């Protein structure tokens, strides 16, 4: 029986940013994506969620509320 490896949020975010680089996105777009994904990953780690497959709509809604409270 084969098990799936955890879909680590930090690794997935880094892969996405690398993909933007390979597609020649502007440096400002890459920096913004990196910054925002880092914030999201930090928020999810605080919620003790590190596996992307475990992220739920309620996690994202809580993150949106956090963003709204700090703007």
Protein backbone atom coordinates (compact mmCIF):
# COMPACT_ATOMS: atom_id res chain seq x y z
CA UNK A 1 0.00 0.00 0.00
CA UNK A 2 1.38 3.37 -0.99
CA UNK A 3 0.65 6.50 1.05
CA UNK A 4 0.68 10.01 -0.26
CA UNK A 5 3.29 12.40 1.05
CA UNK A 6 1.97 15.42 2.89
CA UNK A 7 1.32 18.41 0.66
CA UNK A 8 3.53 20.80 2.64
CA UNK A 9 2.28 24.36 2.30
CA UNK A 10 5.71 25.98 2.34
CA UNK A 11 7.01 23.64 -0.36
CA UNK A 12 3.95 24.21 -2.53
CA UNK A 13 4.26 27.99 -2.14
CA UNK A 14 7.93 27.86 -3.13
CA UNK A 15 7.10 25.71 -6.14
CA UNK A 16 4.45 28.19 -7.23
CA UNK A 17 6.87 31.13 -6.93
CA UNK A 18 9.47 29.17 -8.91
CA UNK A 19 6.84 28.55 -11.57
CA UNK A 20 6.15 32.28 -11.80
CA UNK A 21 9.89 32.85 -12.30
CA UNK A 22 10.07 30.24 -15.04
CA UNK A 23 7.14 31.92 -16.79
CA UNK A 24 9.04 35.21 -16.62
CA UNK A 25 6.57 37.10 -14.44
CA UNK A 26 7.77 40.51 -13.33
CA UNK A 27 9.91 40.67 -10.22
CA UNK A 28 7.23 42.73 -8.47
CA UNK A 29 4.59 40.06 -9.18
CA UNK A 30 6.90 37.34 -7.91
CA UNK A 31 7.75 39.31 -4.75
CA UNK A 32 4.06 40.03 -4.08
CA UNK A 33 3.11 36.37 -4.55
CA UNK A 34 5.95 35.27 -2.27
CA UNK A 35 4.97 37.82 0.40
CA UNK A 36 1.26 36.93 0.34
CA UNK A 37 1.83 33.18 0.31
CA UNK A 38 4.27 33.52 3.20
CA UNK A 39 1.61 35.38 5.19
CA UNK A 40 -1.00 32.73 4.40
CA UNK A 41 1.36 29.88 5.32
CA UNK A 42 2.23 31.62 8.59
CA UNK A 43 -1.47 32.03 9.42
CA UNK A 44 -2.16 28.38 8.64
CA UNK A 45 0.81 27.21 10.74
CA UNK A 46 -0.63 29.22 13.64
CA UNK A 47 -3.81 27.20 13.11
CA UNK A 48 -1.64 24.05 13.23
CA UNK A 49 -2.28 23.31 9.56
CA UNK A 50 0.75 22.46 7.44
CA UNK A 51 -0.77 20.05 4.93
CA UNK A 52 -2.44 21.80 2.00
CA UNK A 53 -4.96 18.97 1.76
CA UNK A 54 -6.22 19.86 5.25
CA UNK A 55 -6.96 23.50 4.41
CA UNK A 56 -10.68 24.18 4.56
CA UNK A 57 -12.95 27.02 3.61
CA UNK A 58 -13.13 28.00 7.28
CA UNK A 59 -9.32 28.35 7.38
CA UNK A 60 -9.43 30.71 4.42
CA UNK A 61 -12.38 32.66 5.82
CA UNK A 62 -10.50 33.13 9.10
CA UNK A 63 -7.48 34.36 7.14
CA UNK A 64 -9.66 36.80 5.20
CA UNK A 65 -11.07 38.13 8.48
CA UNK A 66 -7.51 38.57 9.79
CA UNK A 67 -6.55 40.53 6.69
CA UNK A 68 -9.66 42.69 6.93
CA UNK A 69 -8.94 43.46 10.58
CA UNK A 70 -5.43 44.67 9.76
CA UNK A 71 -6.23 46.96 6.83
